[in-house]
Amino acid sequence: MIIAPEYYEYLLAHVDYTETYFLAAIACIIFNPLWWNIQARAEYKHHYLTRLCGGSKYAGCYLIAFLIFTLGILRDYLFAQALLRQPTLEEFNRVEVEYLSYALYGIGGILVLSAYLRLGITGTYLGDYFGILMKERITGFPFNVMNNPMYNGSVMLFLAHSLAEKSLAGVAITFVVYIVYKIALIFEESFTTYIYETAAANALKSSKKNK
């Protein structure tokens, strides 16, 4: 299907790329995973948060969890404010789009909440970088349905809110969220694999020494 250039111009007119909250939301979306990955790797190598918290790796993990959660609230606030200041797209003013937003709210919320309940605070907020390792791989719902359900669910929630607000700008921001999470996963999954492989190798060495 060929889309006329005039329609592209029409769509672009519904996204104000210079609006302050729009730019701030994107900046926060990019900053948050970059920040927590840098902090987590620094903790793994130098244990600075653990030392800051009196030598307790659990306290250090709870501290970074609080900071990540707070940054998430700021991100969501900026996103919501950005949508309020963007034009609405008439094509989104349909009952089908409304129902789709409800479905995305429901599915995304279930994925995020169920993943959190499976992982707990330390599993969700980078506990493995603090040496708090999972005893075995989680295979129950929602991890038996998809990989990275928390990230996927979060993207669904962003899209749901964008459709509910009839905001094409929100859809554009959601696409940025999707890309940022995909890039973050490249670094997170490889390093998580390294952490567990290193822990397994150290445990094997220790068991051989004790024999």
N, C-alpha and C. Protein backbone atom coordinates (compact mmCIF):
# COMPACT_ATOMS: atom_id res chain seq x y z
N MET A 1 0.85 -1.20 0.00
CA MET A 1 0.00 0.00 0.00
C MET A 1 0.88 1.25 0.00
N ILE A 2 0.61 2.14 -0.93
CA ILE A 2 1.36 3.38 -1.04
C ILE A 2 0.63 4.48 -0.29
N ILE A 3 1.37 5.16 0.59
CA ILE A 3 0.78 6.26 1.36
C ILE A 3 1.22 7.57 0.74
N ALA A 4 0.25 8.43 0.49
CA ALA A 4 0.54 9.71 -0.14
C ALA A 4 1.42 10.57 0.75
N PRO A 5 2.34 11.34 0.15
CA PRO A 5 3.21 12.23 0.96
C PRO A 5 2.40 13.20 1.81
N GLU A 6 1.23 13.60 1.32
CA GLU A 6 0.39 14.53 2.08
C GLU A 6 -0.04 13.93 3.41
N TYR A 7 -0.26 12.60 3.40
CA TYR A 7 -0.70 11.96 4.63
C TYR A 7 0.45 11.87 5.63
N TYR A 8 1.66 11.66 5.15
CA TYR A 8 2.83 11.69 6.03
C TYR A 8 2.94 13.06 6.70
N GLU A 9 2.75 14.11 5.90
CA GLU A 9 2.80 15.46 6.45
C GLU A 9 1.70 15.67 7.49
N TYR A 10 0.54 15.09 7.21
CA TYR A 10 -0.58 15.18 8.15
C TYR A 10 -0.23 14.50 9.47
N LEU A 11 0.40 13.32 9.40
CA LEU A 11 0.78 12.61 10.61
C LEU A 11 1.87 13.36 11.37
N LEU A 12 2.86 13.88 10.66
CA LEU A 12 3.95 14.61 11.30
C LEU A 12 3.45 15.85 12.01
N ALA A 13 2.37 16.42 11.52
CA ALA A 13 1.79 17.61 12.15
C ALA A 13 1.18 17.29 13.51
N HIS A 14 1.00 15.98 13.81
CA HIS A 14 0.42 15.58 15.08
C HIS A 14 1.48 15.18 16.11
N VAL A 15 2.73 15.50 15.81
CA VAL A 15 3.81 15.27 16.77
C VAL A 15 4.63 16.54 16.88
N ASP A 16 4.63 17.12 18.07
CA ASP A 16 5.43 18.32 18.31
C ASP A 16 6.77 17.88 18.89
N TYR A 17 7.78 17.81 18.02
CA TYR A 17 9.09 17.30 18.42
C TYR A 17 9.88 18.30 19.27
N THR A 18 9.41 19.52 19.36
CA THR A 18 10.13 20.54 20.11
C THR A 18 9.55 20.77 21.50
N GLU A 19 8.45 20.11 21.82
CA GLU A 19 7.79 20.33 23.11
C GLU A 19 8.68 19.83 24.24
N THR A 20 8.77 20.60 25.32
CA THR A 20 9.73 20.34 26.40
C THR A 20 9.53 18.98 27.05
N TYR A 21 8.29 18.63 27.39
CA TYR A 21 8.03 17.36 28.07
C TYR A 21 8.26 16.18 27.14
N PHE A 22 7.99 16.36 25.87
CA PHE A 22 8.25 15.31 24.88
C PHE A 22 9.74 14.97 24.88
N LEU A 23 10.58 15.99 24.82
CA LEU A 23 12.03 15.78 24.79
C LEU A 23 12.53 15.25 26.14
N ALA A 24 11.96 15.76 27.22
CA ALA A 24 12.38 15.32 28.56
C ALA A 24 12.02 13.85 28.78
N ALA A 25 10.84 13.44 28.30
CA ALA A 25 10.43 12.04 28.44
C ALA A 25 11.38 11.12 27.69
N ILE A 26 11.73 11.48 26.48
CA ILE A 26 12.66 10.66 25.69
C ILE A 26 14.03 10.62 26.36
N ALA A 27 14.48 11.76 26.87
CA ALA A 27 15.78 11.80 27.55
C ALA A 27 15.77 10.87 28.77
N CYS A 28 14.70 10.90 29.53
CA CYS A 28 14.60 10.05 30.72
C CYS A 28 14.52 8.58 30.34
N ILE A 29 13.79 8.29 29.28
CA ILE A 29 13.67 6.89 28.81
C ILE A 29 15.02 6.33 28.40
N ILE A 30 15.84 7.15 27.77
CA ILE A 30 17.18 6.71 27.36
C ILE A 30 18.12 6.64 28.57
N PHE A 31 18.01 7.63 29.45
CA PHE A 31 18.93 7.72 30.59
C PHE A 31 18.75 6.58 31.58
N ASN A 32 17.51 6.21 31.90
CA ASN A 32 17.27 5.27 32.99
C ASN A 32 17.99 3.93 32.83
N PRO A 33 17.78 3.19 31.74
CA PRO A 33 18.49 1.91 31.62
C PRO A 33 19.99 2.07 31.46
N LEU A 34 20.42 3.18 30.84
CA LEU A 34 21.86 3.43 30.74
C LEU A 34 22.45 3.60 32.14
N TRP A 35 21.77 4.38 32.97
CA TRP A 35 22.25 4.63 34.33
C TRP A 35 22.28 3.36 35.15
N TRP A 36 21.18 2.58 35.13
CA TRP A 36 21.17 1.41 36.01
C TRP A 36 22.12 0.32 35.55
N ASN A 37 22.39 0.24 34.25
CA ASN A 37 23.38 -0.74 33.79
C ASN A 37 24.79 -0.33 34.20
N ILE A 38 25.10 0.96 34.13
CA ILE A 38 26.42 1.43 34.55
C ILE A 38 26.60 1.21 36.05
N GLN A 39 25.57 1.56 36.83
CA GLN A 39 25.66 1.40 38.29
C GLN A 39 25.77 -0.07 38.68
N ALA A 40 25.01 -0.92 38.00
CA ALA A 40 25.02 -2.35 38.34
C ALA A 40 26.38 -2.97 38.04
N ARG A 41 26.97 -2.61 36.92
CA ARG A 41 28.28 -3.18 36.58
C ARG A 41 29.36 -2.65 37.53
N ALA A 42 29.23 -1.38 37.92
CA ALA A 42 30.17 -0.83 38.89
C ALA A 42 30.04 -1.55 40.22
N GLU A 43 28.82 -1.89 40.59
CA GLU A 43 28.61 -2.63 41.83
C GLU A 43 29.21 -4.02 41.73
N TYR A 44 29.03 -4.68 40.63
CA TYR A 44 29.56 -6.03 40.46
C TYR A 44 31.08 -6.04 40.58
N LYS A 45 31.72 -5.02 40.02
CA LYS A 45 33.18 -4.99 39.99
C LYS A 45 33.78 -4.41 41.28
N HIS A 46 33.10 -3.41 41.88
CA HIS A 46 33.71 -2.68 43.00
C HIS A 46 32.90 -2.75 44.29
N HIS A 47 31.65 -3.22 44.23
CA HIS A 47 30.80 -3.37 45.41
C HIS A 47 30.63 -2.07 46.19
N TYR A 48 30.54 -0.96 45.46
CA TYR A 48 30.51 0.34 46.14
C TYR A 48 29.18 0.57 46.87
N LEU A 49 28.08 0.09 46.32
CA LEU A 49 26.80 0.24 47.01
C LEU A 49 26.72 -0.66 48.23
N THR A 50 27.27 -1.85 48.10
CA THR A 50 27.32 -2.77 49.25
C THR A 50 28.11 -2.14 50.38
N ARG A 51 29.26 -1.55 50.06
CA ARG A 51 30.07 -0.90 51.09
C ARG A 51 29.35 0.31 51.67
N LEU A 52 28.67 1.06 50.79
CA LEU A 52 27.92 2.23 51.24
C LEU A 52 26.83 1.85 52.24
N CYS A 53 26.29 0.65 52.07
CA CYS A 53 25.21 0.17 52.93
C CYS A 53 25.73 -0.73 54.04
N GLY A 54 26.95 -0.50 54.49
CA GLY A 54 27.49 -1.21 55.62
C GLY A 54 27.86 -2.64 55.36
N GLY A 55 28.11 -2.99 54.11
CA GLY A 55 28.52 -4.34 53.77
C GLY A 55 27.38 -5.29 53.47
N SER A 56 26.15 -4.79 53.46
CA SER A 56 24.99 -5.63 53.18
C SER A 56 24.63 -5.56 51.70
N LYS A 57 24.78 -6.69 51.02
CA LYS A 57 24.44 -6.69 49.60
C LYS A 57 22.93 -6.54 49.38
N TYR A 58 22.14 -7.01 50.34
CA TYR A 58 20.69 -6.85 50.22
C TYR A 58 20.28 -5.39 50.36
N ALA A 59 20.89 -4.70 51.33
CA ALA A 59 20.61 -3.27 51.49
C ALA A 59 21.02 -2.49 50.25
N GLY A 60 22.18 -2.85 49.67
CA GLY A 60 22.62 -2.20 48.45
C GLY A 60 21.65 -2.41 47.31
N CYS A 61 21.14 -3.65 47.20
CA CYS A 61 20.17 -3.95 46.15
C CYS A 61 18.87 -3.18 46.36
N TYR A 62 18.43 -3.09 47.62
CA TYR A 62 17.20 -2.33 47.91
C TYR A 62 17.39 -0.85 47.60
N LEU A 63 18.61 -0.36 47.81
CA LEU A 63 18.88 1.05 47.50
C LEU A 63 18.77 1.31 46.01
N ILE A 64 19.40 0.45 45.20
CA ILE A 64 19.31 0.68 43.76
C ILE A 64 17.90 0.43 43.26
N ALA A 65 17.17 -0.48 43.91
CA ALA A 65 15.77 -0.71 43.55
C ALA A 65 14.95 0.56 43.78
N PHE A 66 15.19 1.21 44.91
CA PHE A 66 14.49 2.46 45.22
C PHE A 66 14.81 3.53 44.18
N LEU A 67 16.08 3.64 43.81
CA LEU A 67 16.48 4.66 42.85
C LEU A 67 15.90 4.38 41.46
N ILE A 68 15.92 3.12 41.04
CA ILE A 68 15.36 2.76 39.74
C ILE A 68 13.86 3.01 39.72
N PHE A 69 13.19 2.63 40.82
CA PHE A 69 11.74 2.84 40.92
C PHE A 69 11.40 4.33 40.87
N THR A 70 12.19 5.14 41.56
CA THR A 70 11.96 6.59 41.58
C THR A 70 12.16 7.19 40.19
N LEU A 71 13.21 6.76 39.51
CA LEU A 71 13.43 7.24 38.14
C LEU A 71 12.30 6.80 37.23
N GLY A 72 11.74 5.62 37.48
CA GLY A 72 10.61 5.14 36.69
C GLY A 72 9.38 6.01 36.89
N ILE A 73 9.15 6.46 38.11
CA ILE A 73 8.03 7.37 38.38
C ILE A 73 8.23 8.68 37.64
N LEU A 74 9.46 9.20 37.67
CA LEU A 74 9.75 10.44 36.95
C LEU A 74 9.53 10.25 35.46
N ARG A 75 9.99 9.15 34.90
CA ARG A 75 9.79 8.86 33.48
C ARG A 75 8.31 8.82 33.13
N ASP A 76 7.52 8.13 33.93
CA ASP A 76 6.09 8.01 33.66
C ASP A 76 5.38 9.36 33.77
N TYR A 77 5.82 10.18 34.72
CA TYR A 77 5.24 11.52 34.86
C TYR A 77 5.53 12.36 33.62
N LEU A 78 6.78 12.35 33.18
CA LEU A 78 7.14 13.13 32.00
C LEU A 78 6.39 12.65 30.77
N PHE A 79 6.23 11.32 30.66
CA PHE A 79 5.50 10.75 29.53
C PHE A 79 4.05 11.21 29.54
N ALA A 80 3.41 11.13 30.70
CA ALA A 80 2.01 11.54 30.82
C ALA A 80 1.84 13.02 30.50
N GLN A 81 2.74 13.85 31.00
CA GLN A 81 2.67 15.28 30.74
C GLN A 81 2.91 15.59 29.26
N ALA A 82 3.81 14.84 28.64
CA ALA A 82 4.08 15.04 27.21
C ALA A 82 2.83 14.78 26.38
N LEU A 83 2.11 13.70 26.72
CA LEU A 83 0.91 13.36 25.95
C LEU A 83 -0.18 14.41 26.10
N LEU A 84 -0.26 15.02 27.27
CA LEU A 84 -1.28 16.05 27.49
C LEU A 84 -1.02 17.29 26.63
N ARG A 85 0.21 17.47 26.23
CA ARG A 85 0.59 18.67 25.48
C ARG A 85 0.74 18.42 23.98
N GLN A 86 0.43 17.22 23.54
CA GLN A 86 0.54 16.88 22.13
C GLN A 86 -0.83 16.87 21.46
N PRO A 87 -0.87 17.10 20.15
CA PRO A 87 -2.17 17.03 19.44
C PRO A 87 -2.74 15.62 19.48
N THR A 88 -4.06 15.53 19.41
CA THR A 88 -4.71 14.22 19.33
C THR A 88 -4.95 13.88 17.87
N LEU A 89 -4.90 12.58 17.59
CA LEU A 89 -5.08 12.09 16.22
C LEU A 89 -6.51 11.59 16.07
N GLU A 90 -7.24 12.15 15.13
CA GLU A 90 -8.65 11.81 14.97
C GLU A 90 -8.85 10.34 14.66
N GLU A 91 -7.91 9.73 13.94
CA GLU A 91 -8.04 8.32 13.59
C GLU A 91 -8.04 7.41 14.82
N PHE A 92 -7.51 7.89 15.93
CA PHE A 92 -7.50 7.10 17.17
C PHE A 92 -8.81 7.24 17.96
N ASN A 93 -9.67 8.13 17.50
CA ASN A 93 -10.94 8.36 18.19
C ASN A 93 -11.99 7.35 17.71
N ARG A 94 -11.68 6.06 17.93
CA ARG A 94 -12.55 4.97 17.49
C ARG A 94 -12.68 3.96 18.61
N VAL A 95 -13.82 3.29 18.64
CA VAL A 95 -14.07 2.34 19.72
C VAL A 95 -13.08 1.17 19.66
N GLU A 96 -12.66 0.79 18.45
CA GLU A 96 -11.70 -0.31 18.32
C GLU A 96 -10.37 0.05 18.97
N VAL A 97 -9.94 1.29 18.81
CA VAL A 97 -8.69 1.74 19.42
C VAL A 97 -8.84 1.80 20.93
N GLU A 98 -9.99 2.24 21.40
CA GLU A 98 -10.26 2.29 22.84
C GLU A 98 -10.18 0.89 23.45
N TYR A 99 -10.82 -0.09 22.80
CA TYR A 99 -10.79 -1.46 23.32
C TYR A 99 -9.38 -2.05 23.26
N LEU A 100 -8.64 -1.69 22.21
CA LEU A 100 -7.26 -2.16 22.11
C LEU A 100 -6.43 -1.62 23.26
N SER A 101 -6.65 -0.36 23.61
CA SER A 101 -5.90 0.22 24.73
C SER A 101 -6.24 -0.50 26.02
N TYR A 102 -7.51 -0.85 26.23
CA TYR A 102 -7.90 -1.60 27.43
C TYR A 102 -7.20 -2.96 27.47
N ALA A 103 -7.17 -3.63 26.32
CA ALA A 103 -6.53 -4.95 26.25
C ALA A 103 -5.05 -4.85 26.56
N LEU A 104 -4.39 -3.82 26.02
CA LEU A 104 -2.96 -3.63 26.27
C LEU A 104 -2.69 -3.29 27.73
N TYR A 105 -3.56 -2.48 28.32
CA TYR A 105 -3.43 -2.18 29.74
C TYR A 105 -3.48 -3.48 30.55
N GLY A 106 -4.47 -4.32 30.23
CA GLY A 106 -4.65 -5.57 30.97
C GLY A 106 -3.50 -6.53 30.79
N ILE A 107 -3.13 -6.80 29.53
CA ILE A 107 -2.06 -7.76 29.25
C ILE A 107 -0.72 -7.25 29.77
N GLY A 108 -0.44 -5.97 29.50
CA GLY A 108 0.83 -5.40 29.96
C GLY A 108 0.93 -5.40 31.48
N GLY A 109 -0.16 -5.04 32.15
CA GLY A 109 -0.16 -5.04 33.61
C GLY A 109 0.05 -6.43 34.18
N ILE A 110 -0.59 -7.42 33.59
CA ILE A 110 -0.44 -8.81 34.06
C ILE A 110 1.00 -9.28 33.88
N LEU A 111 1.59 -8.97 32.74
CA LEU A 111 2.98 -9.40 32.48
C LEU A 111 3.95 -8.77 33.48
N VAL A 112 3.81 -7.47 33.70
CA VAL A 112 4.72 -6.78 34.61
C VAL A 112 4.53 -7.27 36.04
N LEU A 113 3.29 -7.34 36.50
CA LEU A 113 3.03 -7.73 37.88
C LEU A 113 3.42 -9.18 38.14
N SER A 114 3.05 -10.08 37.23
CA SER A 114 3.36 -11.50 37.44
C SER A 114 4.87 -11.74 37.38
N ALA A 115 5.58 -11.02 36.51
CA ALA A 115 7.04 -11.16 36.45
C ALA A 115 7.66 -10.68 37.75
N TYR A 116 7.15 -9.58 38.27
CA TYR A 116 7.68 -9.05 39.53
C TYR A 116 7.43 -10.02 40.68
N LEU A 117 6.25 -10.62 40.72
CA LEU A 117 5.94 -11.58 41.78
C LEU A 117 6.84 -12.81 41.70
N ARG A 118 7.19 -13.21 40.48
CA ARG A 118 8.09 -14.35 40.30
C ARG A 118 9.51 -14.01 40.73
N LEU A 119 9.96 -12.81 40.39
CA LEU A 119 11.36 -12.45 40.60
C LEU A 119 11.61 -11.86 41.99
N GLY A 120 10.62 -11.17 42.54
CA GLY A 120 10.84 -10.47 43.79
C GLY A 120 11.68 -9.22 43.57
N ILE A 121 11.97 -8.54 44.67
CA ILE A 121 12.72 -7.28 44.56
C ILE A 121 14.13 -7.53 44.03
N THR A 122 14.84 -8.49 44.59
CA THR A 122 16.23 -8.70 44.19
C THR A 122 16.33 -9.27 42.77
N GLY A 123 15.37 -10.08 42.37
CA GLY A 123 15.38 -10.62 41.02
C GLY A 123 15.03 -9.57 39.98
N THR A 124 14.16 -8.65 40.36
CA THR A 124 13.74 -7.60 39.44
C THR A 124 14.80 -6.51 39.32
N TYR A 125 15.37 -6.14 40.45
CA TYR A 125 16.27 -4.99 40.49
C TYR A 125 17.74 -5.40 40.63
N LEU A 126 18.18 -6.24 39.70
CA LEU A 126 19.61 -6.47 39.47
C LEU A 126 20.34 -7.11 40.65
N GLY A 127 19.63 -7.94 41.40
CA GLY A 127 20.27 -8.59 42.55
C GLY A 127 21.47 -9.44 42.18
N ASP A 128 21.47 -10.01 40.98
CA ASP A 128 22.60 -10.86 40.59
C ASP A 128 23.90 -10.07 40.49
N TYR A 129 23.83 -8.77 40.22
CA TYR A 129 25.03 -7.94 40.19
C TYR A 129 25.60 -7.75 41.60
N PHE A 130 24.76 -7.97 42.60
CA PHE A 130 25.18 -7.86 44.00
C PHE A 130 25.59 -9.22 44.58
N GLY A 131 25.53 -10.26 43.75
CA GLY A 131 25.85 -11.60 44.21
C GLY A 131 24.66 -12.34 44.79
N ILE A 132 23.46 -11.79 44.58
CA ILE A 132 22.24 -12.46 45.03
C ILE A 132 21.69 -13.23 43.84
N LEU A 133 22.10 -14.47 43.70
CA LEU A 133 21.79 -15.24 42.50
C LEU A 133 20.55 -16.11 42.70
N MET A 134 19.83 -16.31 41.60
CA MET A 134 18.68 -17.21 41.61
C MET A 134 19.20 -18.65 41.66
N LYS A 135 18.54 -19.51 42.43
CA LYS A 135 18.97 -20.89 42.54
C LYS A 135 18.73 -21.68 41.26
N GLU A 136 17.68 -21.30 40.55
CA GLU A 136 17.38 -21.98 39.29
C GLU A 136 16.62 -21.02 38.38
N ARG A 137 16.63 -21.34 37.11
CA ARG A 137 15.96 -20.51 36.11
C ARG A 137 14.45 -20.57 36.32
N ILE A 138 13.79 -19.42 36.29
CA ILE A 138 12.34 -19.37 36.45
C ILE A 138 11.68 -19.71 35.12
N THR A 139 10.81 -20.71 35.15
CA THR A 139 10.16 -21.17 33.92
C THR A 139 8.63 -21.04 33.98
N GLY A 140 8.10 -20.62 35.13
CA GLY A 140 6.65 -20.47 35.24
C GLY A 140 6.16 -19.20 34.58
N PHE A 141 4.84 -19.03 34.55
CA PHE A 141 4.24 -17.84 33.93
C PHE A 141 4.75 -16.58 34.61
N PRO A 142 5.06 -15.55 33.85
CA PRO A 142 4.92 -15.37 32.40
C PRO A 142 6.15 -15.76 31.59
N PHE A 143 7.16 -16.33 32.26
CA PHE A 143 8.41 -16.64 31.57
C PHE A 143 8.28 -17.86 30.66
N ASN A 144 7.20 -18.62 30.83
CA ASN A 144 6.94 -19.73 29.92
C ASN A 144 6.20 -19.27 28.67
N VAL A 145 5.82 -18.01 28.65
CA VAL A 145 5.10 -17.45 27.50
C VAL A 145 6.05 -16.64 26.61
N MET A 146 6.95 -15.90 27.25
CA MET A 146 7.87 -15.04 26.49
C MET A 146 9.09 -14.74 27.34
N ASN A 147 10.16 -14.35 26.67
CA ASN A 147 11.32 -13.82 27.36
C ASN A 147 11.08 -12.35 27.70
N ASN A 148 11.65 -11.90 28.77
CA ASN A 148 11.59 -10.49 29.17
C ASN A 148 10.16 -9.95 29.26
N PRO A 149 9.28 -10.62 29.99
CA PRO A 149 7.88 -10.16 30.08
C PRO A 149 7.74 -8.80 30.74
N MET A 150 8.68 -8.44 31.63
CA MET A 150 8.55 -7.14 32.28
C MET A 150 8.80 -6.01 31.30
N TYR A 151 9.82 -6.15 30.47
CA TYR A 151 10.08 -5.13 29.46
C TYR A 151 8.96 -5.09 28.42
N ASN A 152 8.52 -6.27 27.95
CA ASN A 152 7.45 -6.31 26.95
C ASN A 152 6.15 -5.74 27.52
N GLY A 153 5.86 -6.09 28.77
CA GLY A 153 4.66 -5.56 29.40
C GLY A 153 4.72 -4.06 29.56
N SER A 154 5.90 -3.54 29.89
CA SER A 154 6.06 -2.10 30.03
C SER A 154 5.81 -1.38 28.71
N VAL A 155 6.33 -1.94 27.62
CA VAL A 155 6.09 -1.34 26.30
C VAL A 155 4.59 -1.33 25.99
N MET A 156 3.89 -2.41 26.33
CA MET A 156 2.44 -2.47 26.11
C MET A 156 1.72 -1.38 26.90
N LEU A 157 2.16 -1.12 28.11
CA LEU A 157 1.53 -0.09 28.94
C LEU A 157 1.75 1.30 28.35
N PHE A 158 2.94 1.55 27.84
CA PHE A 158 3.20 2.83 27.17
C PHE A 158 2.28 3.00 25.96
N LEU A 159 2.17 1.94 25.17
CA LEU A 159 1.32 2.01 23.98
C LEU A 159 -0.14 2.16 24.36
N ALA A 160 -0.57 1.46 25.41
CA ALA A 160 -1.95 1.56 25.87
C ALA A 160 -2.30 2.99 26.24
N HIS A 161 -1.41 3.63 26.99
CA HIS A 161 -1.66 5.01 27.42
C HIS A 161 -1.67 5.96 26.22
N SER A 162 -0.80 5.70 25.25
CA SER A 162 -0.75 6.53 24.05
C SER A 162 -2.07 6.46 23.28
N LEU A 163 -2.58 5.24 23.12
CA LEU A 163 -3.85 5.06 22.40
C LEU A 163 -5.02 5.65 23.17
N ALA A 164 -4.99 5.48 24.49
CA ALA A 164 -6.07 6.03 25.31
C ALA A 164 -6.12 7.55 25.22
N GLU A 165 -4.95 8.17 25.08
CA GLU A 165 -4.88 9.62 24.95
C GLU A 165 -4.96 10.07 23.49
N LYS A 166 -5.12 9.11 22.57
CA LYS A 166 -5.22 9.40 21.13
C LYS A 166 -4.01 10.19 20.65
N SER A 167 -2.84 9.77 21.09
CA SER A 167 -1.62 10.54 20.85
C SER A 167 -0.67 9.79 19.94
N LEU A 168 -0.44 10.32 18.76
CA LEU A 168 0.56 9.75 17.87
C LEU A 168 1.96 9.99 18.42
N ALA A 169 2.14 11.11 19.11
CA ALA A 169 3.42 11.38 19.76
C ALA A 169 3.73 10.31 20.80
N GLY A 170 2.70 9.86 21.51
CA GLY A 170 2.87 8.80 22.48
C GLY A 170 3.32 7.50 21.83
N VAL A 171 2.77 7.21 20.66
CA VAL A 171 3.19 6.02 19.92
C VAL A 171 4.65 6.15 19.52
N ALA A 172 5.06 7.36 19.11
CA ALA A 172 6.46 7.59 18.75
C ALA A 172 7.37 7.38 19.95
N ILE A 173 6.96 7.87 21.12
CA ILE A 173 7.76 7.68 22.33
C ILE A 173 7.81 6.20 22.70
N THR A 174 6.68 5.51 22.53
CA THR A 174 6.65 4.07 22.81
C THR A 174 7.64 3.32 21.95
N PHE A 175 7.78 3.73 20.70
CA PHE A 175 8.76 3.11 19.81
C PHE A 175 10.17 3.32 20.34
N VAL A 176 10.43 4.52 20.88
CA VAL A 176 11.74 4.79 21.49
C VAL A 176 11.96 3.86 22.68
N VAL A 177 10.93 3.67 23.51
CA VAL A 177 11.02 2.75 24.65
C VAL A 177 11.39 1.36 24.18
N TYR A 178 10.71 0.89 23.15
CA TYR A 178 10.95 -0.45 22.61
C TYR A 178 12.40 -0.60 22.15
N ILE A 179 12.91 0.38 21.41
CA ILE A 179 14.28 0.31 20.90
C ILE A 179 15.29 0.37 22.04
N VAL A 180 15.06 1.26 23.01
CA VAL A 180 15.98 1.39 24.14
C VAL A 180 16.04 0.09 24.94
N TYR A 181 14.89 -0.53 25.18
CA TYR A 181 14.87 -1.79 25.92
C TYR A 181 15.58 -2.90 25.15
N LYS A 182 15.39 -2.94 23.84
CA LYS A 182 16.08 -3.95 23.04
C LYS A 182 17.60 -3.80 23.13
N ILE A 183 18.06 -2.56 23.09
CA ILE A 183 19.50 -2.32 23.20
C ILE A 183 19.99 -2.68 24.59
N ALA A 184 19.22 -2.29 25.63
CA ALA A 184 19.61 -2.60 27.00
C ALA A 184 19.72 -4.10 27.22
N LEU A 185 18.82 -4.85 26.61
CA LEU A 185 18.82 -6.31 26.79
C LEU A 185 20.07 -6.96 26.20
N ILE A 186 20.61 -6.38 25.15
CA ILE A 186 21.83 -6.92 24.56
C ILE A 186 22.95 -6.94 25.61
N PHE A 187 23.06 -5.87 26.36
CA PHE A 187 24.10 -5.76 27.38
C PHE A 187 23.72 -6.53 28.64
N GLU A 188 22.46 -6.45 29.05
CA GLU A 188 22.05 -7.09 30.30
C GLU A 188 22.09 -8.61 30.21
N GLU A 189 21.58 -9.16 29.13
CA GLU A 189 21.53 -10.62 29.03
C GLU A 189 22.93 -11.22 28.92
N SER A 190 23.81 -10.58 28.17
CA SER A 190 25.16 -11.12 28.03
C SER A 190 25.92 -11.04 29.36
N PHE A 191 25.72 -9.96 30.10
CA PHE A 191 26.44 -9.81 31.37
C PHE A 191 25.85 -10.72 32.44
N THR A 192 24.54 -10.91 32.42
CA THR A 192 23.92 -11.84 33.36
C THR A 192 24.44 -13.25 33.13
N THR A 193 24.57 -13.64 31.85
CA THR A 193 25.14 -14.94 31.53
C THR A 193 26.56 -15.05 32.06
N TYR A 194 27.34 -14.00 31.91
CA TYR A 194 28.71 -13.98 32.42
C TYR A 194 28.74 -14.14 33.93
N ILE A 195 27.82 -13.47 34.63
CA ILE A 195 27.77 -13.55 36.10
C ILE A 195 27.53 -14.98 36.55
N TYR A 196 26.54 -15.64 35.94
CA TYR A 196 26.20 -16.99 36.37
C TYR A 196 27.26 -18.01 35.95
N GLU A 197 27.85 -17.80 34.80
CA GLU A 197 28.92 -18.71 34.37
C GLU A 197 30.14 -18.56 35.29
N THR A 198 30.45 -17.34 35.67
CA THR A 198 31.58 -17.10 36.58
C THR A 198 31.30 -17.71 37.94
N ALA A 199 30.06 -17.54 38.43
CA ALA A 199 29.70 -18.11 39.73
C ALA A 199 29.78 -19.63 39.70
N ALA A 200 29.34 -20.24 38.60
CA ALA A 200 29.38 -21.70 38.48
C ALA A 200 30.83 -22.19 38.42
N ALA A 201 31.68 -21.47 37.70
CA ALA A 201 33.09 -21.85 37.60
C ALA A 201 33.78 -21.74 38.96
N ASN A 202 33.47 -20.68 39.70
CA ASN A 202 34.06 -20.51 41.03
C ASN A 202 33.60 -21.59 41.99
N ALA A 203 32.31 -21.96 41.89
CA ALA A 203 31.78 -23.01 42.75
C ALA A 203 32.44 -24.35 42.44
N LEU A 204 32.70 -24.60 41.15
CA LEU A 204 33.37 -25.84 40.75
C LEU A 204 34.80 -25.89 41.27
N LYS A 205 35.52 -24.77 41.18
CA LYS A 205 36.88 -24.69 41.70
C LYS A 205 36.90 -24.94 43.21
N SER A 206 35.93 -24.34 43.87
CA SER A 206 35.86 -24.48 45.33
C SER A 206 35.59 -25.93 45.75
N SER A 207 34.71 -26.58 44.99
CA SER A 207 34.39 -27.97 45.33
C SER A 207 35.58 -28.89 45.09
N LYS A 208 36.40 -28.58 44.07
CA LYS A 208 37.59 -29.40 43.78
C LYS A 208 38.64 -29.22 44.86
N LYS A 209 38.75 -27.98 45.38
CA LYS A 209 39.73 -27.73 46.42
C LYS A 209 39.36 -28.46 47.71
N ASN A 210 38.06 -28.59 47.96
CA ASN A 210 37.59 -29.21 49.20
C ASN A 210 37.65 -30.73 49.17
N LYS A 211 37.93 -31.29 47.99
CA LYS A 211 38.00 -32.75 47.89
C LYS A 211 39.38 -33.25 48.33
